[in-house]
Amino acid sequence: MNPVDPFEQQLREAFRRVEPPPGLERKILLRIQPRQPRRLPSWFAVAASLVLVVGGSLGVMRWQEHQQRQREAERVRQQLALTLEITSRTLAKADQRLKSIGVERIRLQEVSSWQEY
């Protein structure tokens, strides 16, 4: 007979069949079974709905306010453009009239306060 090498003996020991402990199969099957999802309390759905409704309402209100501010800004811009156009035309007419009567340059005098008038 052949004497068995100690390394081979260790390998045989390491790979020998070992019986599983009792109940191992049941424990494994319990772990791999799908778990039932937790049910949320019914008040949670109501609270989430309220949060969505309030959040959505606030969002819509802010959007409407933003739109209103944009419309107001556009109205003010148009008024300013009209005012500048009218002022420009009026100054051009005044300049034409002054030139028609021979005034080329107007001497400006600084006023220190309005109370002198």
PDB file of N, CA and C in Angstrom:
ATOM      1  N   MET A   1       0.815  -1.189   0.000  1.00  0.00           N
ATOM      2  CA  MET A   1       0.000   0.000   0.000  1.00  0.00           C
ATOM      3  C   MET A   1       0.850   1.240   0.000  1.00  0.00           C
ATOM      4  N   ASN A   2       0.244   2.248  -0.487  1.00  0.00           N
ATOM      5  CA  ASN A   2       0.905   3.532  -0.594  1.00  0.00           C
ATOM      6  C   ASN A   2       0.683   4.337   0.678  1.00  0.00           C
ATOM      7  N   PRO A   3       1.729   4.860   1.218  1.00  0.00           N
ATOM      8  CA  PRO A   3       1.485   5.734   2.359  1.00  0.00           C
ATOM      9  C   PRO A   3       0.826   7.025   1.862  1.00  0.00           C
ATOM     10  N   VAL A   4      -0.175   7.589   2.602  1.00  0.00           N
ATOM     11  CA  VAL A   4      -0.928   8.791   2.207  1.00  0.00           C
ATOM     12  C   VAL A   4      -0.148  10.019   2.662  1.00  0.00           C
ATOM     13  N   ASP A   5       0.012  10.871   1.730  1.00  0.00           N
ATOM     14  CA  ASP A   5       0.699  12.138   1.990  1.00  0.00           C
ATOM     15  C   ASP A   5      -0.128  12.959   2.973  1.00  0.00           C
ATOM     16  N   PRO A   6       0.497  13.662   3.954  1.00  0.00           N
ATOM     17  CA  PRO A   6      -0.292  14.456   4.910  1.00  0.00           C
ATOM     18  C   PRO A   6      -1.147  15.532   4.219  1.00  0.00           C
ATOM     19  N   PHE A   7      -0.643  16.096   3.130  1.00  0.00           N
ATOM     20  CA  PHE A   7      -1.421  17.117   2.412  1.00  0.00           C
ATOM     21  C   PHE A   7      -2.682  16.509   1.818  1.00  0.00           C
ATOM     22  N   GLU A   8      -2.542  15.324   1.225  1.00  0.00           N
ATOM     23  CA  GLU A   8      -3.706  14.648   0.663  1.00  0.00           C
ATOM     24  C   GLU A   8      -4.703  14.305   1.758  1.00  0.00           C
ATOM     25  N   GLN A   9      -4.193  13.916   2.884  1.00  0.00           N
ATOM     26  CA  GLN A   9      -5.062  13.583   4.018  1.00  0.00           C
ATOM     27  C   GLN A   9      -5.863  14.819   4.452  1.00  0.00           C
ATOM     28  N   GLN A  10      -5.207  15.993   4.490  1.00  0.00           N
ATOM     29  CA  GLN A  10      -5.900  17.237   4.850  1.00  0.00           C
ATOM     30  C   GLN A  10      -6.963  17.585   3.812  1.00  0.00           C
ATOM     31  N   LEU A  11      -6.644  17.378   2.538  1.00  0.00           N
ATOM     32  CA  LEU A  11      -7.612  17.657   1.490  1.00  0.00           C
ATOM     33  C   LEU A  11      -8.834  16.751   1.617  1.00  0.00           C
ATOM     34  N   ARG A  12      -8.613  15.495   1.869  1.00  0.00           N
ATOM     35  CA  ARG A  12      -9.732  14.568   2.017  1.00  0.00           C
ATOM     36  C   ARG A  12     -10.603  14.962   3.206  1.00  0.00           C
ATOM     37  N   GLU A  13      -9.982  15.395   4.267  1.00  0.00           N
ATOM     38  CA  GLU A  13     -10.741  15.826   5.447  1.00  0.00           C
ATOM     39  C   GLU A  13     -11.555  17.075   5.134  1.00  0.00           C
ATOM     40  N   ALA A  14     -10.937  18.001   4.410  1.00  0.00           N
ATOM     41  CA  ALA A  14     -11.608  19.258   4.091  1.00  0.00           C
ATOM     42  C   ALA A  14     -12.806  19.042   3.165  1.00  0.00           C
ATOM     43  N   PHE A  15     -12.702  18.052   2.263  1.00  0.00           N
ATOM     44  CA  PHE A  15     -13.754  17.831   1.285  1.00  0.00           C
ATOM     45  C   PHE A  15     -14.702  16.677   1.629  1.00  0.00           C
ATOM     46  N   ARG A  16     -14.600  16.141   2.816  1.00  0.00           N
ATOM     47  CA  ARG A  16     -15.524  15.060   3.177  1.00  0.00           C
ATOM     48  C   ARG A  16     -16.922  15.623   3.368  1.00  0.00           C
ATOM     49  N   ARG A  17     -17.895  14.815   3.116  1.00  0.00           N
ATOM     50  CA  ARG A  17     -19.296  15.243   3.196  1.00  0.00           C
ATOM     51  C   ARG A  17     -19.688  15.439   4.658  1.00  0.00           C
ATOM     52  N   VAL A  18     -20.341  16.574   4.894  1.00  0.00           N
ATOM     53  CA  VAL A  18     -20.823  16.895   6.236  1.00  0.00           C
ATOM     54  C   VAL A  18     -22.332  17.045   6.143  1.00  0.00           C
ATOM     55  N   GLU A  19     -23.054  16.430   7.018  1.00  0.00           N
ATOM     56  CA  GLU A  19     -24.506  16.531   7.031  1.00  0.00           C
ATOM     57  C   GLU A  19     -24.918  17.908   7.563  1.00  0.00           C
ATOM     58  N   PRO A  20     -25.893  18.563   6.890  1.00  0.00           N
ATOM     59  CA  PRO A  20     -26.335  19.889   7.363  1.00  0.00           C
ATOM     60  C   PRO A  20     -27.094  19.747   8.677  1.00  0.00           C
ATOM     61  N   PRO A  21     -27.073  20.823   9.479  1.00  0.00           N
ATOM     62  CA  PRO A  21     -27.801  20.756  10.743  1.00  0.00           C
ATOM     63  C   PRO A  21     -29.308  20.666  10.470  1.00  0.00           C
ATOM     64  N   PRO A  22     -30.038  20.069  11.383  1.00  0.00           N
ATOM     65  CA  PRO A  22     -31.484  19.966  11.159  1.00  0.00           C
ATOM     66  C   PRO A  22     -32.138  21.356  11.124  1.00  0.00           C
ATOM     67  N   GLY A  23     -33.100  21.551  10.222  1.00  0.00           N
ATOM     68  CA  GLY A  23     -33.832  22.812  10.109  1.00  0.00           C
ATOM     69  C   GLY A  23     -33.179  23.828   9.187  1.00  0.00           C
ATOM     70  N   LEU A  24     -31.984  23.496   8.657  1.00  0.00           N
ATOM     71  CA  LEU A  24     -31.295  24.446   7.780  1.00  0.00           C
ATOM     72  C   LEU A  24     -32.099  24.721   6.509  1.00  0.00           C
ATOM     73  N   GLU A  25     -32.668  23.674   5.937  1.00  0.00           N
ATOM     74  CA  GLU A  25     -33.446  23.836   4.707  1.00  0.00           C
ATOM     75  C   GLU A  25     -34.632  24.772   4.929  1.00  0.00           C
ATOM     76  N   ARG A  26     -35.325  24.624   6.040  1.00  0.00           N
ATOM     77  CA  ARG A  26     -36.477  25.486   6.344  1.00  0.00           C
ATOM     78  C   ARG A  26     -36.040  26.943   6.524  1.00  0.00           C
ATOM     79  N   LYS A  27     -34.915  27.149   7.209  1.00  0.00           N
ATOM     80  CA  LYS A  27     -34.408  28.517   7.412  1.00  0.00           C
ATOM     81  C   LYS A  27     -34.068  29.168   6.073  1.00  0.00           C
ATOM     82  N   ILE A  28     -33.447  28.409   5.182  1.00  0.00           N
ATOM     83  CA  ILE A  28     -33.079  28.968   3.874  1.00  0.00           C
ATOM     84  C   ILE A  28     -34.319  29.312   3.070  1.00  0.00           C
ATOM     85  N   LEU A  29     -35.295  28.422   3.073  1.00  0.00           N
ATOM     86  CA  LEU A  29     -36.523  28.677   2.317  1.00  0.00           C
ATOM     87  C   LEU A  29     -37.278  29.878   2.871  1.00  0.00           C
ATOM     88  N   LEU A  30     -37.268  30.064   4.189  1.00  0.00           N
ATOM     89  CA  LEU A  30     -37.929  31.231   4.770  1.00  0.00           C
ATOM     90  C   LEU A  30     -37.247  32.526   4.340  1.00  0.00           C
ATOM     91  N   ARG A  31     -35.930  32.482   4.238  1.00  0.00           N
ATOM     92  CA  ARG A  31     -35.196  33.697   3.858  1.00  0.00           C
ATOM     93  C   ARG A  31     -35.408  34.091   2.405  1.00  0.00           C
ATOM     94  N   ILE A  32     -35.572  33.103   1.536  1.00  0.00           N
ATOM     95  CA  ILE A  32     -35.701  33.450   0.111  1.00  0.00           C
ATOM     96  C   ILE A  32     -37.132  33.712  -0.306  1.00  0.00           C
ATOM     97  N   GLN A  33     -38.108  33.458   0.551  1.00  0.00           N
ATOM     98  CA  GLN A  33     -39.496  33.748   0.208  1.00  0.00           C
ATOM     99  C   GLN A  33     -39.698  35.258   0.180  1.00  0.00           C
ATOM    100  N   PRO A  34     -40.481  35.742  -0.787  1.00  0.00           N
ATOM    101  CA  PRO A  34     -40.709  37.191  -0.847  1.00  0.00           C
ATOM    102  C   PRO A  34     -41.460  37.665   0.401  1.00  0.00           C
ATOM    103  N   ARG A  35     -41.016  38.798   0.888  1.00  0.00           N
ATOM    104  CA  ARG A  35     -41.668  39.372   2.064  1.00  0.00           C
ATOM    105  C   ARG A  35     -42.873  40.189   1.643  1.00  0.00           C
ATOM    106  N   GLN A  36     -43.833  40.222   2.503  1.00  0.00           N
ATOM    107  CA  GLN A  36     -45.032  41.024   2.246  1.00  0.00           C
ATOM    108  C   GLN A  36     -44.671  42.496   2.453  1.00  0.00           C
ATOM    109  N   PRO A  37     -45.043  43.348   1.507  1.00  0.00           N
ATOM    110  CA  PRO A  37     -44.737  44.776   1.695  1.00  0.00           C
ATOM    111  C   PRO A  37     -45.508  45.325   2.897  1.00  0.00           C
ATOM    112  N   ARG A  38     -44.866  46.264   3.552  1.00  0.00           N
ATOM    113  CA  ARG A  38     -45.537  46.899   4.696  1.00  0.00           C
ATOM    114  C   ARG A  38     -46.654  47.787   4.198  1.00  0.00           C
ATOM    115  N   ARG A  39     -47.742  47.766   4.884  1.00  0.00           N
ATOM    116  CA  ARG A  39     -48.857  48.647   4.540  1.00  0.00           C
ATOM    117  C   ARG A  39     -48.678  49.947   5.292  1.00  0.00           C
ATOM    118  N   LEU A  40     -48.823  51.015   4.580  1.00  0.00           N
ATOM    119  CA  LEU A  40     -48.751  52.329   5.217  1.00  0.00           C
ATOM    120  C   LEU A  40     -50.089  52.632   5.859  1.00  0.00           C
ATOM    121  N   PRO A  41     -50.067  53.374   6.942  1.00  0.00           N
ATOM    122  CA  PRO A  41     -51.336  53.745   7.577  1.00  0.00           C
ATOM    123  C   PRO A  41     -52.199  54.554   6.612  1.00  0.00           C
ATOM    124  N   SER A  42     -53.502  54.469   6.769  1.00  0.00           N
ATOM    125  CA  SER A  42     -54.406  55.160   5.842  1.00  0.00           C
ATOM    126  C   SER A  42     -54.264  56.675   5.939  1.00  0.00           C
ATOM    127  N   TRP A  43     -53.911  57.168   7.102  1.00  0.00           N
ATOM    128  CA  TRP A  43     -53.762  58.618   7.244  1.00  0.00           C
ATOM    129  C   TRP A  43     -52.566  59.116   6.431  1.00  0.00           C
ATOM    130  N   PHE A  44     -51.611  58.227   6.150  1.00  0.00           N
ATOM    131  CA  PHE A  44     -50.431  58.627   5.382  1.00  0.00           C
ATOM    132  C   PHE A  44     -50.828  59.054   3.971  1.00  0.00           C
ATOM    133  N   ALA A  45     -51.739  58.322   3.359  1.00  0.00           N
ATOM    134  CA  ALA A  45     -52.201  58.671   2.009  1.00  0.00           C
ATOM    135  C   ALA A  45     -52.929  60.016   2.024  1.00  0.00           C
ATOM    136  N   VAL A  46     -53.715  60.247   3.065  1.00  0.00           N
ATOM    137  CA  VAL A  46     -54.439  61.525   3.180  1.00  0.00           C
ATOM    138  C   VAL A  46     -53.434  62.665   3.347  1.00  0.00           C
ATOM    139  N   ALA A  47     -52.439  62.456   4.212  1.00  0.00           N
ATOM    140  CA  ALA A  47     -51.431  63.500   4.445  1.00  0.00           C
ATOM    141  C   ALA A  47     -50.634  63.775   3.170  1.00  0.00           C
ATOM    142  N   ALA A  48     -50.254  62.730   2.463  1.00  0.00           N
ATOM    143  CA  ALA A  48     -49.501  62.919   1.219  1.00  0.00           C
ATOM    144  C   ALA A  48     -50.345  63.665   0.190  1.00  0.00           C
ATOM    145  N   SER A  49     -51.615  63.356   0.112  1.00  0.00           N
ATOM    146  CA  SER A  49     -52.511  64.055  -0.821  1.00  0.00           C
ATOM    147  C   SER A  49     -52.625  65.528  -0.471  1.00  0.00           C
ATOM    148  N   LEU A  50     -52.760  65.804   0.818  1.00  0.00           N
ATOM    149  CA  LEU A  50     -52.843  67.204   1.248  1.00  0.00           C
ATOM    150  C   LEU A  50     -51.573  67.965   0.909  1.00  0.00           C
ATOM    151  N   VAL A  51     -50.422  67.337   1.145  1.00  0.00           N
ATOM    152  CA  VAL A  51     -49.150  67.986   0.820  1.00  0.00           C
ATOM    153  C   VAL A  51     -49.078  68.286  -0.670  1.00  0.00           C
ATOM    154  N   LEU A  52     -49.492  67.339  -1.499  1.00  0.00           N
ATOM    155  CA  LEU A  52     -49.468  67.556  -2.948  1.00  0.00           C
ATOM    156  C   LEU A  52     -50.416  68.671  -3.372  1.00  0.00           C
ATOM    157  N   VAL A  53     -51.610  68.678  -2.802  1.00  0.00           N
ATOM    158  CA  VAL A  53     -52.594  69.708  -3.169  1.00  0.00           C
ATOM    159  C   VAL A  53     -52.107  71.090  -2.737  1.00  0.00           C
ATOM    160  N   VAL A  54     -51.635  71.191  -1.493  1.00  0.00           N
ATOM    161  CA  VAL A  54     -51.165  72.495  -0.998  1.00  0.00           C
ATOM    162  C   VAL A  54     -49.938  72.943  -1.787  1.00  0.00           C
ATOM    163  N   GLY A  55     -48.990  72.021  -1.998  1.00  0.00           N
ATOM    164  CA  GLY A  55     -47.794  72.368  -2.768  1.00  0.00           C
ATOM    165  C   GLY A  55     -48.137  72.788  -4.185  1.00  0.00           C
ATOM    166  N   GLY A  56     -49.032  72.046  -4.810  1.00  0.00           N
ATOM    167  CA  GLY A  56     -49.444  72.404  -6.169  1.00  0.00           C
ATOM    168  C   GLY A  56     -50.143  73.751  -6.214  1.00  0.00           C
ATOM    169  N   SER A  57     -51.008  74.003  -5.231  1.00  0.00           N
ATOM    170  CA  SER A  57     -51.714  75.291  -5.183  1.00  0.00           C
ATOM    171  C   SER A  57     -50.739  76.447  -5.004  1.00  0.00           C
ATOM    172  N   LEU A  58     -49.780  76.274  -4.105  1.00  0.00           N
ATOM    173  CA  LEU A  58     -48.786  77.331  -3.903  1.00  0.00           C
ATOM    174  C   LEU A  58     -47.956  77.546  -5.160  1.00  0.00           C
ATOM    175  N   GLY A  59     -47.621  76.465  -5.831  1.00  0.00           N
ATOM    176  CA  GLY A  59     -46.867  76.586  -7.077  1.00  0.00           C
ATOM    177  C   GLY A  59     -47.640  77.343  -8.135  1.00  0.00           C
ATOM    178  N   VAL A  60     -48.918  77.040  -8.276  1.00  0.00           N
ATOM    179  CA  VAL A  60     -49.764  77.734  -9.259  1.00  0.00           C
ATOM    180  C   VAL A  60     -49.890  79.210  -8.897  1.00  0.00           C
ATOM    181  N   MET A  61     -50.073  79.493  -7.596  1.00  0.00           N
ATOM    182  CA  MET A  61     -50.189  80.895  -7.169  1.00  0.00           C
ATOM    183  C   MET A  61     -48.910  81.674  -7.473  1.00  0.00           C
ATOM    184  N   ARG A  62     -47.761  81.065  -7.188  1.00  0.00           N
ATOM    185  CA  ARG A  62     -46.489  81.751  -7.468  1.00  0.00           C
ATOM    186  C   ARG A  62     -46.314  81.973  -8.965  1.00  0.00           C
ATOM    187  N   TRP A  63     -46.712  80.995  -9.772  1.00  0.00           N
ATOM    188  CA  TRP A  63     -46.592  81.133 -11.215  1.00  0.00           C
ATOM    189  C   TRP A  63     -47.486  82.270 -11.712  1.00  0.00           C
ATOM    190  N   GLN A  64     -48.718  82.354 -11.171  1.00  0.00           N
ATOM    191  CA  GLN A  64     -49.632  83.423 -11.564  1.00  0.00           C
ATOM    192  C   GLN A  64     -49.072  84.787 -11.154  1.00  0.00           C
ATOM    193  N   GLU A  65     -48.496  84.862  -9.941  1.00  0.00           N
ATOM    194  CA  GLU A  65     -47.890  86.125  -9.502  1.00  0.00           C
ATOM    195  C   GLU A  65     -46.744  86.521 -10.425  1.00  0.00           C
ATOM    196  N   HIS A  66     -45.942  85.548 -10.801  1.00  0.00           N
ATOM    197  CA  HIS A  66     -44.821  85.808 -11.707  1.00  0.00           C
ATOM    198  C   HIS A  66     -45.333  86.323 -13.051  1.00  0.00           C
ATOM    199  N   GLN A  67     -46.372  85.681 -13.567  1.00  0.00           N
ATOM    200  CA  GLN A  67     -46.954  86.126 -14.833  1.00  0.00           C
ATOM    201  C   GLN A  67     -47.498  87.548 -14.717  1.00  0.00           C
ATOM    202  N   GLN A  68     -48.155  87.859 -13.595  1.00  0.00           N
ATOM    203  CA  GLN A  68     -48.697  89.201 -13.375  1.00  0.00           C
ATOM    204  C   GLN A  68     -47.567  90.228 -13.336  1.00  0.00           C
ATOM    205  N   ARG A  69     -46.469  89.893 -12.622  1.00  0.00           N
ATOM    206  CA  ARG A  69     -45.323  90.819 -12.554  1.00  0.00           C
ATOM    207  C   ARG A  69     -44.714  91.029 -13.931  1.00  0.00           C
ATOM    208  N   GLN A  70     -44.654  89.971 -14.731  1.00  0.00           N
ATOM    209  CA  GLN A  70     -44.113  90.128 -16.080  1.00  0.00           C
ATOM    210  C   GLN A  70     -45.008  91.027 -16.930  1.00  0.00           C
ATOM    211  N   ARG A  71     -46.332  90.851 -16.818  1.00  0.00           N
ATOM    212  CA  ARG A  71     -47.249  91.716 -17.569  1.00  0.00           C
ATOM    213  C   ARG A  71     -47.107  93.171 -17.131  1.00  0.00           C
ATOM    214  N   GLU A  72     -46.997  93.391 -15.819  1.00  0.00           N
ATOM    215  CA  GLU A  72     -46.840  94.751 -15.293  1.00  0.00           C
ATOM    216  C   GLU A  72     -45.524  95.367 -15.769  1.00  0.00           C
ATOM    217  N   ALA A  73     -44.453  94.593 -15.743  1.00  0.00           N
ATOM    218  CA  ALA A  73     -43.156  95.096 -16.205  1.00  0.00           C
ATOM    219  C   ALA A  73     -43.216  95.452 -17.689  1.00  0.00           C
ATOM    220  N   GLU A  74     -43.892  94.637 -18.480  1.00  0.00           N
ATOM    221  CA  GLU A  74     -44.026  94.933 -19.904  1.00  0.00           C
ATOM    222  C   GLU A  74     -44.849  96.205 -20.126  1.00  0.00           C
ATOM    223  N   ARG A  75     -45.908  96.386 -19.330  1.00  0.00           N
ATOM    224  CA  ARG A  75     -46.735  97.594 -19.438  1.00  0.00           C
ATOM    225  C   ARG A  75     -45.910  98.833 -19.095  1.00  0.00           C
ATOM    226  N   VAL A  76     -45.117  98.746 -18.022  1.00  0.00           N
ATOM    227  CA  VAL A  76     -44.270  99.881 -17.622  1.00  0.00           C
ATOM    228  C   VAL A  76     -43.225 100.162 -18.700  1.00  0.00           C
ATOM    229  N   ARG A  77     -42.646  99.101 -19.277  1.00  0.00           N
ATOM    230  CA  ARG A  77     -41.654  99.282 -20.339  1.00  0.00           C
ATOM    231  C   ARG A  77     -42.270 100.004 -21.538  1.00  0.00           C
ATOM    232  N   GLN A  78     -43.490  99.612 -21.902  1.00  0.00           N
ATOM    233  CA  GLN A  78     -44.170 100.263 -23.028  1.00  0.00           C
ATOM    234  C   GLN A  78     -44.470 101.726 -22.716  1.00  0.00           C
ATOM    235  N   GLN A  79     -44.912 102.001 -21.482  1.00  0.00           N
ATOM    236  CA  GLN A  79     -45.192 103.383 -21.092  1.00  0.00           C
ATOM    237  C   GLN A  79     -43.919 104.227 -21.139  1.00  0.00           C
ATOM    238  N   LEU A  80     -42.814 103.663 -20.656  1.00  0.00           N
ATOM    239  CA  LEU A  80     -41.549 104.390 -20.676  1.00  0.00           C
ATOM    240  C   LEU A  80     -41.104 104.653 -22.110  1.00  0.00           C
ATOM    241  N   ALA A  81     -41.246 103.646 -22.975  1.00  0.00           N
ATOM    242  CA  ALA A  81     -40.866 103.830 -24.377  1.00  0.00           C
ATOM    243  C   ALA A  81     -41.714 104.929 -25.021  1.00  0.00           C
ATOM    244  N   LEU A  82     -43.025 104.938 -24.732  1.00  0.00           N
ATOM    245  CA  LEU A  82     -43.902 105.980 -25.268  1.00  0.00           C
ATOM    246  C   LEU A  82     -43.511 107.355 -24.720  1.00  0.00           C
ATOM    247  N   THR A  83     -43.225 107.414 -23.432  1.00  0.00           N
ATOM    248  CA  THR A  83     -42.824 108.686 -22.810  1.00  0.00           C
ATOM    249  C   THR A  83     -41.545 109.210 -23.447  1.00  0.00           C
ATOM    250  N   LEU A  84     -40.571 108.326 -23.646  1.00  0.00           N
ATOM    251  CA  LEU A  84     -39.313 108.761 -24.269  1.00  0.00           C
ATOM    252  C   LEU A  84     -39.527 109.200 -25.713  1.00  0.00           C
ATOM    253  N   GLU A  85     -40.405 108.512 -26.425  1.00  0.00           N
ATOM    254  CA  GLU A  85     -40.693 108.894 -27.810  1.00  0.00           C
ATOM    255  C   GLU A  85     -41.356 110.273 -27.861  1.00  0.00           C
ATOM    256  N   ILE A  86     -42.352 110.499 -26.987  1.00  0.00           N
ATOM    257  CA  ILE A  86     -43.033 111.802 -26.949  1.00  0.00           C
ATOM    258  C   ILE A  86     -42.045 112.900 -26.576  1.00  0.00           C
ATOM    259  N   THR A  87     -41.193 112.623 -25.583  1.00  0.00           N
ATOM    260  CA  THR A  87     -40.196 113.614 -25.153  1.00  0.00           C
ATOM    261  C   THR A  87     -39.236 113.932 -26.292  1.00  0.00           C
ATOM    262  N   SER A  88     -38.796 112.885 -26.991  1.00  0.00           N
ATOM    263  CA  SER A  88     -37.865 113.085 -28.105  1.00  0.00           C
ATOM    264  C   SER A  88     -38.509 113.931 -29.204  1.00  0.00           C
ATOM    265  N   ARG A  89     -39.757 113.643 -29.540  1.00  0.00           N
ATOM    266  CA  ARG A  89     -40.459 114.431 -30.563  1.00  0.00           C
ATOM    267  C   ARG A  89     -40.634 115.881 -30.118  1.00  0.00           C
ATOM    268  N   THR A  90     -41.016 116.069 -28.863  1.00  0.00           N
ATOM    269  CA  THR A  90     -41.228 117.428 -28.345  1.00  0.00           C
ATOM    270  C   THR A  90     -39.929 118.227 -28.365  1.00  0.00           C
ATOM    271  N   LEU A  91     -38.829 117.575 -27.958  1.00  0.00           N
ATOM    272  CA  LEU A  91     -37.537 118.266 -27.973  1.00  0.00           C
ATOM    273  C   LEU A  91     -37.101 118.573 -29.404  1.00  0.00           C
ATOM    274  N   ALA A  92     -37.372 117.658 -30.324  1.00  0.00           N
ATOM    275  CA  ALA A  92     -37.019 117.899 -31.727  1.00  0.00           C
ATOM    276  C   ALA A  92     -37.811 119.088 -32.276  1.00  0.00           C
ATOM    277  N   LYS A  93     -39.105 119.158 -31.940  1.00  0.00           N
ATOM    278  CA  LYS A  93     -39.925 120.302 -32.391  1.00  0.00           C
ATOM    279  C   LYS A  93     -39.425 121.607 -31.778  1.00  0.00           C
ATOM    280  N   ALA A  94     -39.099 121.573 -30.486  1.00  0.00           N
ATOM    281  CA  ALA A  94     -38.592 122.783 -29.821  1.00  0.00           C
ATOM    282  C   ALA A  94     -37.278 123.213 -30.465  1.00  0.00           C
ATOM    283  N   ASP A  95     -36.417 122.235 -30.780  1.00  0.00           N
ATOM    284  CA  ASP A  95     -35.135 122.545 -31.417  1.00  0.00           C
ATOM    285  C   ASP A  95     -35.372 123.178 -32.785  1.00  0.00           C
ATOM    286  N   GLN A  96     -36.334 122.642 -33.541  1.00  0.00           N
ATOM    287  CA  GLN A  96     -36.661 123.191 -34.870  1.00  0.00           C
ATOM    288  C   GLN A  96     -37.169 124.632 -34.738  1.00  0.00           C
ATOM    289  N   ARG A  97     -38.050 124.869 -33.784  1.00  0.00           N
ATOM    290  CA  ARG A  97     -38.603 126.222 -33.596  1.00  0.00           C
ATOM    291  C   ARG A  97     -37.509 127.209 -33.218  1.00  0.00           C
ATOM    292  N   LEU A  98     -36.633 126.778 -32.300  1.00  0.00           N
ATOM    293  CA  LEU A  98     -35.546 127.669 -31.891  1.00  0.00           C
ATOM    294  C   LEU A  98     -34.634 127.982 -33.072  1.00  0.00           C
ATOM    295  N   LYS A  99     -34.326 126.969 -33.868  1.00  0.00           N
ATOM    296  CA  LYS A  99     -33.469 127.198 -35.030  1.00  0.00           C
ATOM    297  C   LYS A  99     -34.170 128.094 -36.055  1.00  0.00           C
ATOM    298  N   SER A 100     -35.499 127.955 -36.164  1.00  0.00           N
ATOM    299  CA  SER A 100     -36.228 128.782 -37.133  1.00  0.00           C
ATOM    300  C   SER A 100     -36.223 130.264 -36.757  1.00  0.00           C
ATOM    301  N   ILE A 101     -36.062 130.566 -35.475  1.00  0.00           N
ATOM    302  CA  ILE A 101     -36.004 131.979 -35.067  1.00  0.00           C
ATOM    303  C   ILE A 101     -34.561 132.432 -34.850  1.00  0.00           C
ATOM    304  N   GLY A 102     -33.607 131.576 -35.215  1.00  0.00           N
ATOM    305  CA  GLY A 102     -32.207 131.967 -35.188  1.00  0.00           C
ATOM    306  C   GLY A 102     -31.461 131.643 -33.911  1.00  0.00           C
ATOM    307  N   VAL A 103     -32.031 130.892 -33.007  1.00  0.00           N
ATOM    308  CA  VAL A 103     -31.324 130.550 -31.766  1.00  0.00           C
ATOM    309  C   VAL A 103     -30.538 129.259 -32.022  1.00  0.00           C
ATOM    310  N   GLU A 104     -29.207 129.378 -31.956  1.00  0.00           N
ATOM    311  CA  GLU A 104     -28.357 128.210 -32.187  1.00  0.00           C
ATOM    312  C   GLU A 104     -27.926 127.558 -30.870  1.00  0.00           C
ATOM    313  N   ARG A 105     -27.794 128.402 -29.872  1.00  0.00           N
ATOM    314  CA  ARG A 105     -27.309 127.865 -28.600  1.00  0.00           C
ATOM    315  C   ARG A 105     -28.020 128.572 -27.463  1.00  0.00           C
ATOM    316  N   ILE A 106     -28.398 127.808 -26.451  1.00  0.00           N
ATOM    317  CA  ILE A 106     -29.070 128.371 -25.278  1.00  0.00           C
ATOM    318  C   ILE A 106     -28.083 128.323 -24.126  1.00  0.00           C
ATOM    319  N   ARG A 107     -27.945 129.463 -23.454  1.00  0.00           N
ATOM    320  CA  ARG A 107     -27.059 129.521 -22.295  1.00  0.00           C
ATOM    321  C   ARG A 107     -27.817 129.016 -21.082  1.00  0.00           C
ATOM    322  N   LEU A 108     -27.242 128.020 -20.400  1.00  0.00           N
ATOM    323  CA  LEU A 108     -27.886 127.452 -19.226  1.00  0.00           C
ATOM    324  C   LEU A 108     -27.295 128.058 -17.978  1.00  0.00           C
ATOM    325  N   GLN A 109     -28.166 128.291 -17.002  1.00  0.00           N
ATOM    326  CA  GLN A 109     -27.718 128.851 -15.738  1.00  0.00           C
ATOM    327  C   GLN A 109     -28.139 127.883 -14.635  1.00  0.00           C
ATOM    328  N   GLU A 110     -27.192 127.534 -13.784  1.00  0.00           N
ATOM    329  CA  GLU A 110     -27.463 126.579 -12.712  1.00  0.00           C
ATOM    330  C   GLU A 110     -28.245 127.266 -11.611  1.00  0.00           C
ATOM    331  N   VAL A 111     -29.250 126.601 -11.091  1.00  0.00           N
ATOM    332  CA  VAL A 111     -30.096 127.124 -10.026  1.00  0.00           C
ATOM    333  C   VAL A 111     -29.728 126.368  -8.750  1.00  0.00           C
ATOM    334  N   SER A 112     -29.502 127.098  -7.650  1.00  0.00           N
ATOM    335  CA  SER A 112     -29.050 126.429  -6.433  1.00  0.00           C
ATOM    336  C   SER A 112     -30.209 125.818  -5.641  1.00  0.00           C
ATOM    337  N   SER A 113     -31.364 126.476  -5.679  1.00  0.00           N
ATOM    338  CA  SER A 113     -32.490 125.874  -4.982  1.00  0.00           C
ATOM    339  C   SER A 113     -33.788 126.308  -5.646  1.00  0.00           C
ATOM    340  N   TRP A 114     -34.853 125.583  -5.387  1.00  0.00           N
ATOM    341  CA  TRP A 114     -36.139 125.863  -5.972  1.00  0.00           C
ATOM    342  C   TRP A 114     -36.841 127.031  -5.281  1.00  0.00           C
ATOM    343  N   GLN A 115     -36.402 127.414  -4.130  1.00  0.00           N
ATOM    344  CA  GLN A 115     -37.075 128.471  -3.372  1.00  0.00           C
ATOM    345  C   GLN A 115     -36.865 129.853  -3.991  1.00  0.00           C
ATOM    346  N   GLU A 116     -35.906 129.993  -4.871  1.00  0.00           N
ATOM    347  CA  GLU A 116     -35.667 131.271  -5.501  1.00  0.00           C
ATOM    348  C   GLU A 116     -36.754 131.631  -6.501  1.00  0.00           C
ATOM    349  N   TYR A 117     -37.514 130.689  -6.929  1.00  0.00           N
ATOM    350  CA  TYR A 117     -38.554 130.949  -7.947  1.00  0.00           C
ATOM    351  C   TYR A 117     -39.782 131.485  -7.347  1.00  0.00           C
TER     352      TYR A 117
END
